[in-house]
């Protein structure tokens, strides 16, 4: 199975996107005014991280070089902040969750269990697949 670098993404109140690596030695972090800019800046920061590791002859470098790409992770409130176009109630319906409870998850007033978060993630992925099947 292909290993990816896990990046936790947040959108700050000022609209700036932040990304921080989770599963490599040390931390690589970047920010951007958009998700695309964050991804570009993170790629550059990661390349700099690898270059410095080569210069320092770090013993973990080979392990890190085996990672292929990034996997971006968000918590539920960050997801809905990142994509305000997504209707909370529509995801609730698709996930078969009470819309009021979903709003609490989306605003951070309640925390979803791991099982519930997976249920919501599945509904979001199903919506994404449906959107990808549309051609205009």
C-alpha atoms as a PDB file:
ATOM      1  CA  UNK A   1       0.000   0.000   0.000  1.00  0.00           C
ATOM      2  CA  UNK A   2       1.251   3.451  -0.909  1.00  0.00           C
ATOM      3  CA  UNK A   3       2.093   5.591   2.124  1.00  0.00           C
ATOM      4  CA  UNK A   4       1.168   9.252   2.088  1.00  0.00           C
ATOM      5  CA  UNK A   5       2.149  12.149   4.269  1.00  0.00           C
ATOM      6  CA  UNK A   6      -0.811  13.085   6.437  1.00  0.00           C
ATOM      7  CA  UNK A   7      -1.475  16.827   6.571  1.00  0.00           C
ATOM      8  CA  UNK A   8      -3.954  18.302   9.027  1.00  0.00           C
ATOM      9  CA  UNK A   9      -5.650  21.341   7.441  1.00  0.00           C
ATOM     10  CA  UNK A  10      -7.376  24.173   9.256  1.00  0.00           C
ATOM     11  CA  UNK A  11      -8.928  27.396   8.058  1.00  0.00           C
ATOM     12  CA  UNK A  12      -8.337  30.264  10.468  1.00  0.00           C
ATOM     13  CA  UNK A  13     -10.949  32.906  11.229  1.00  0.00           C
ATOM     14  CA  UNK A  14      -9.028  35.362   9.037  1.00  0.00           C
ATOM     15  CA  UNK A  15      -9.477  33.011   6.026  1.00  0.00           C
ATOM     16  CA  UNK A  16      -5.889  31.710   5.941  1.00  0.00           C
ATOM     17  CA  UNK A  17      -5.451  27.961   5.384  1.00  0.00           C
ATOM     18  CA  UNK A  18      -2.839  26.176   7.532  1.00  0.00           C
ATOM     19  CA  UNK A  19      -1.415  22.709   6.944  1.00  0.00           C
ATOM     20  CA  UNK A  20       0.807  20.687   9.288  1.00  0.00           C
ATOM     21  CA  UNK A  21       2.331  17.262   8.630  1.00  0.00           C
ATOM     22  CA  UNK A  22       1.524  14.510  11.105  1.00  0.00           C
ATOM     23  CA  UNK A  23       3.444  11.317  10.331  1.00  0.00           C
ATOM     24  CA  UNK A  24       7.010  12.258   9.454  1.00  0.00           C
ATOM     25  CA  UNK A  25       9.995  13.117  11.671  1.00  0.00           C
ATOM     26  CA  UNK A  26       9.786  16.763  12.637  1.00  0.00           C
ATOM     27  CA  UNK A  27       7.064  19.037  11.338  1.00  0.00           C
ATOM     28  CA  UNK A  28       6.505  20.676   7.985  1.00  0.00           C
ATOM     29  CA  UNK A  29       3.948  23.467   8.002  1.00  0.00           C
ATOM     30  CA  UNK A  30       2.711  25.972   5.467  1.00  0.00           C
ATOM     31  CA  UNK A  31      -0.142  28.370   4.874  1.00  0.00           C
ATOM     32  CA  UNK A  32      -1.956  29.984   1.978  1.00  0.00           C
ATOM     33  CA  UNK A  33      -4.806  32.301   1.076  1.00  0.00           C
ATOM     34  CA  UNK A  34      -6.545  29.371  -0.651  1.00  0.00           C
ATOM     35  CA  UNK A  35      -6.394  25.607  -0.362  1.00  0.00           C
ATOM     36  CA  UNK A  36      -4.503  25.459  -3.658  1.00  0.00           C
ATOM     37  CA  UNK A  37      -1.954  28.011  -2.433  1.00  0.00           C
ATOM     38  CA  UNK A  38      -1.547  26.035   0.804  1.00  0.00           C
ATOM     39  CA  UNK A  39      -0.868  22.869  -1.206  1.00  0.00           C
ATOM     40  CA  UNK A  40       1.723  24.645  -3.364  1.00  0.00           C
ATOM     41  CA  UNK A  41       3.427  26.181  -0.333  1.00  0.00           C
ATOM     42  CA  UNK A  42       3.391  22.859   1.518  1.00  0.00           C
ATOM     43  CA  UNK A  43       5.004  21.108  -1.447  1.00  0.00           C
ATOM     44  CA  UNK A  44       7.776  23.745  -1.480  1.00  0.00           C
ATOM     45  CA  UNK A  45       8.248  23.512   2.305  1.00  0.00           C
ATOM     46  CA  UNK A  46       8.430  19.713   2.028  1.00  0.00           C
ATOM     47  CA  UNK A  47      11.035  19.926  -0.757  1.00  0.00           C
ATOM     48  CA  UNK A  48      13.079  22.267   1.460  1.00  0.00           C
ATOM     49  CA  UNK A  49      12.678  19.791   4.347  1.00  0.00           C
ATOM     50  CA  UNK A  50      14.073  16.974   2.171  1.00  0.00           C
ATOM     51  CA  UNK A  51      16.940  19.129   0.914  1.00  0.00           C
ATOM     52  CA  UNK A  52      17.982  20.030   4.453  1.00  0.00           C
ATOM     53  CA  UNK A  53      17.708  16.380   5.541  1.00  0.00           C
ATOM     54  CA  UNK A  54      20.054  15.412   2.676  1.00  0.00           C
ATOM     55  CA  UNK A  55      22.543  18.123   3.680  1.00  0.00           C
ATOM     56  CA  UNK A  56      22.418  16.940   7.308  1.00  0.00           C
ATOM     57  CA  UNK A  57      22.583  13.265   6.237  1.00  0.00           C
ATOM     58  CA  UNK A  58      19.555  12.403   8.395  1.00  0.00           C
ATOM     59  CA  UNK A  59      19.161   8.662   9.018  1.00  0.00           C
ATOM     60  CA  UNK A  60      15.368   8.785   8.488  1.00  0.00           C
ATOM     61  CA  UNK A  61      15.561  10.302   5.007  1.00  0.00           C
ATOM     62  CA  UNK A  62      15.099   7.039   3.055  1.00  0.00           C
ATOM     63  CA  UNK A  63      11.929   6.207   4.975  1.00  0.00           C
ATOM     64  CA  UNK A  64      10.434   9.643   4.259  1.00  0.00           C
ATOM     65  CA  UNK A  65      11.404   9.492   0.572  1.00  0.00           C
ATOM     66  CA  UNK A  66       9.154   6.411   0.223  1.00  0.00           C
ATOM     67  CA  UNK A  67       6.032   8.492   0.903  1.00  0.00           C
ATOM     68  CA  UNK A  68       4.045   9.248  -2.240  1.00  0.00           C
ATOM     69  CA  UNK A  69       1.996  12.435  -2.039  1.00  0.00           C
ATOM     70  CA  UNK A  70      -0.122  14.020   0.633  1.00  0.00           C
ATOM     71  CA  UNK A  71      -3.380  13.060   2.321  1.00  0.00           C
ATOM     72  CA  UNK A  72      -5.238  16.092   3.652  1.00  0.00           C
ATOM     73  CA  UNK A  73      -7.302  15.663   6.811  1.00  0.00           C
ATOM     74  CA  UNK A  74      -9.750  18.055   8.427  1.00  0.00           C
ATOM     75  CA  UNK A  75     -11.958  17.942  11.464  1.00  0.00           C
ATOM     76  CA  UNK A  76     -15.689  18.350  10.867  1.00  0.00           C
ATOM     77  CA  UNK A  77     -15.891  22.082  11.746  1.00  0.00           C
ATOM     78  CA  UNK A  78     -12.875  22.831   9.514  1.00  0.00           C
ATOM     79  CA  UNK A  79     -14.471  20.939   6.620  1.00  0.00           C
ATOM     80  CA  UNK A  80     -17.630  23.029   6.727  1.00  0.00           C
ATOM     81  CA  UNK A  81     -15.602  26.233   7.220  1.00  0.00           C
ATOM     82  CA  UNK A  82     -13.439  25.266   4.252  1.00  0.00           C
ATOM     83  CA  UNK A  83     -16.449  24.577   2.030  1.00  0.00           C
ATOM     84  CA  UNK A  84     -19.288  26.861   3.139  1.00  0.00           C
ATOM     85  CA  UNK A  85     -21.155  26.003  -0.088  1.00  0.00           C
ATOM     86  CA  UNK A  86     -21.874  22.536   1.309  1.00  0.00           C
ATOM     87  CA  UNK A  87     -25.204  22.441   3.093  1.00  0.00           C
ATOM     88  CA  UNK A  88     -24.902  20.896   6.529  1.00  0.00           C
ATOM     89  CA  UNK A  89     -28.443  19.549   6.348  1.00  0.00           C
ATOM     90  CA  UNK A  90     -27.739  17.834   3.000  1.00  0.00           C
ATOM     91  CA  UNK A  91     -24.767  15.977   4.459  1.00  0.00           C
ATOM     92  CA  UNK A  92     -26.867  15.119   7.527  1.00  0.00           C
ATOM     93  CA  UNK A  93     -29.553  13.619   5.284  1.00  0.00           C
ATOM     94  CA  UNK A  94     -27.016  11.639   3.271  1.00  0.00           C
ATOM     95  CA  UNK A  95     -25.350  10.369   6.481  1.00  0.00           C
ATOM     96  CA  UNK A  96     -28.744   9.680   8.117  1.00  0.00           C
ATOM     97  CA  UNK A  97     -27.913  11.968  11.043  1.00  0.00           C
ATOM     98  CA  UNK A  98     -30.218  14.465  12.714  1.00  0.00           C
ATOM     99  CA  UNK A  99     -29.598  17.870  11.068  1.00  0.00           C
ATOM    100  CA  UNK A 100     -29.496  19.658  14.420  1.00  0.00           C
ATOM    101  CA  UNK A 101     -26.825  17.280  15.700  1.00  0.00           C
ATOM    102  CA  UNK A 102     -24.860  17.704  12.452  1.00  0.00           C
ATOM    103  CA  UNK A 103     -24.928  21.503  12.939  1.00  0.00           C
ATOM    104  CA  UNK A 104     -23.436  20.971  16.401  1.00  0.00           C
ATOM    105  CA  UNK A 105     -20.649  18.877  14.877  1.00  0.00           C
ATOM    106  CA  UNK A 106     -20.117  21.461  12.129  1.00  0.00           C
ATOM    107  CA  UNK A 107     -19.798  24.344  14.582  1.00  0.00           C
ATOM    108  CA  UNK A 108     -17.670  22.437  17.081  1.00  0.00           C
ATOM    109  CA  UNK A 109     -20.326  22.543  19.814  1.00  0.00           C
ATOM    110  CA  UNK A 110     -20.325  18.734  19.876  1.00  0.00           C
ATOM    111  CA  UNK A 111     -17.649  16.208  18.992  1.00  0.00           C
ATOM    112  CA  UNK A 112     -18.450  13.260  16.782  1.00  0.00           C
ATOM    113  CA  UNK A 113     -17.245   9.817  17.782  1.00  0.00           C
ATOM    114  CA  UNK A 114     -14.775   8.154  15.440  1.00  0.00           C
ATOM    115  CA  UNK A 115     -17.570   5.939  14.111  1.00  0.00           C
ATOM    116  CA  UNK A 116     -19.840   8.937  13.514  1.00  0.00           C
ATOM    117  CA  UNK A 117     -17.019  10.874  11.834  1.00  0.00           C
ATOM    118  CA  UNK A 118     -16.477   7.934   9.451  1.00  0.00           C
ATOM    119  CA  UNK A 119     -20.219   7.930   8.708  1.00  0.00           C
ATOM    120  CA  UNK A 120     -20.039  11.638   7.821  1.00  0.00           C
ATOM    121  CA  UNK A 121     -16.856  11.116   5.775  1.00  0.00           C
ATOM    122  CA  UNK A 122     -18.581   8.345   3.807  1.00  0.00           C
ATOM    123  CA  UNK A 123     -21.521  10.651   3.037  1.00  0.00           C
ATOM    124  CA  UNK A 124     -19.143  13.403   1.868  1.00  0.00           C
ATOM    125  CA  UNK A 125     -17.252  10.952  -0.371  1.00  0.00           C
ATOM    126  CA  UNK A 126     -20.530   9.679  -1.848  1.00  0.00           C
ATOM    127  CA  UNK A 127     -21.512  13.268  -2.643  1.00  0.00           C
ATOM    128  CA  UNK A 128     -18.105  13.794  -4.265  1.00  0.00           C
ATOM    129  CA  UNK A 129     -18.553  10.708  -6.435  1.00  0.00           C
ATOM    130  CA  UNK A 130     -21.991  11.919  -7.487  1.00  0.00           C
ATOM    131  CA  UNK A 131     -20.577  15.320  -8.399  1.00  0.00           C
ATOM    132  CA  UNK A 132     -17.727  13.745 -10.369  1.00  0.00           C
ATOM    133  CA  UNK A 133     -20.230  11.784 -12.443  1.00  0.00           C
ATOM    134  CA  UNK A 134     -21.864  15.005 -13.702  1.00  0.00           C
ATOM    135  CA  UNK A 135     -20.853  16.356 -17.092  1.00  0.00           C
ATOM    136  CA  UNK A 136     -22.017  19.729 -18.366  1.00  0.00           C
END
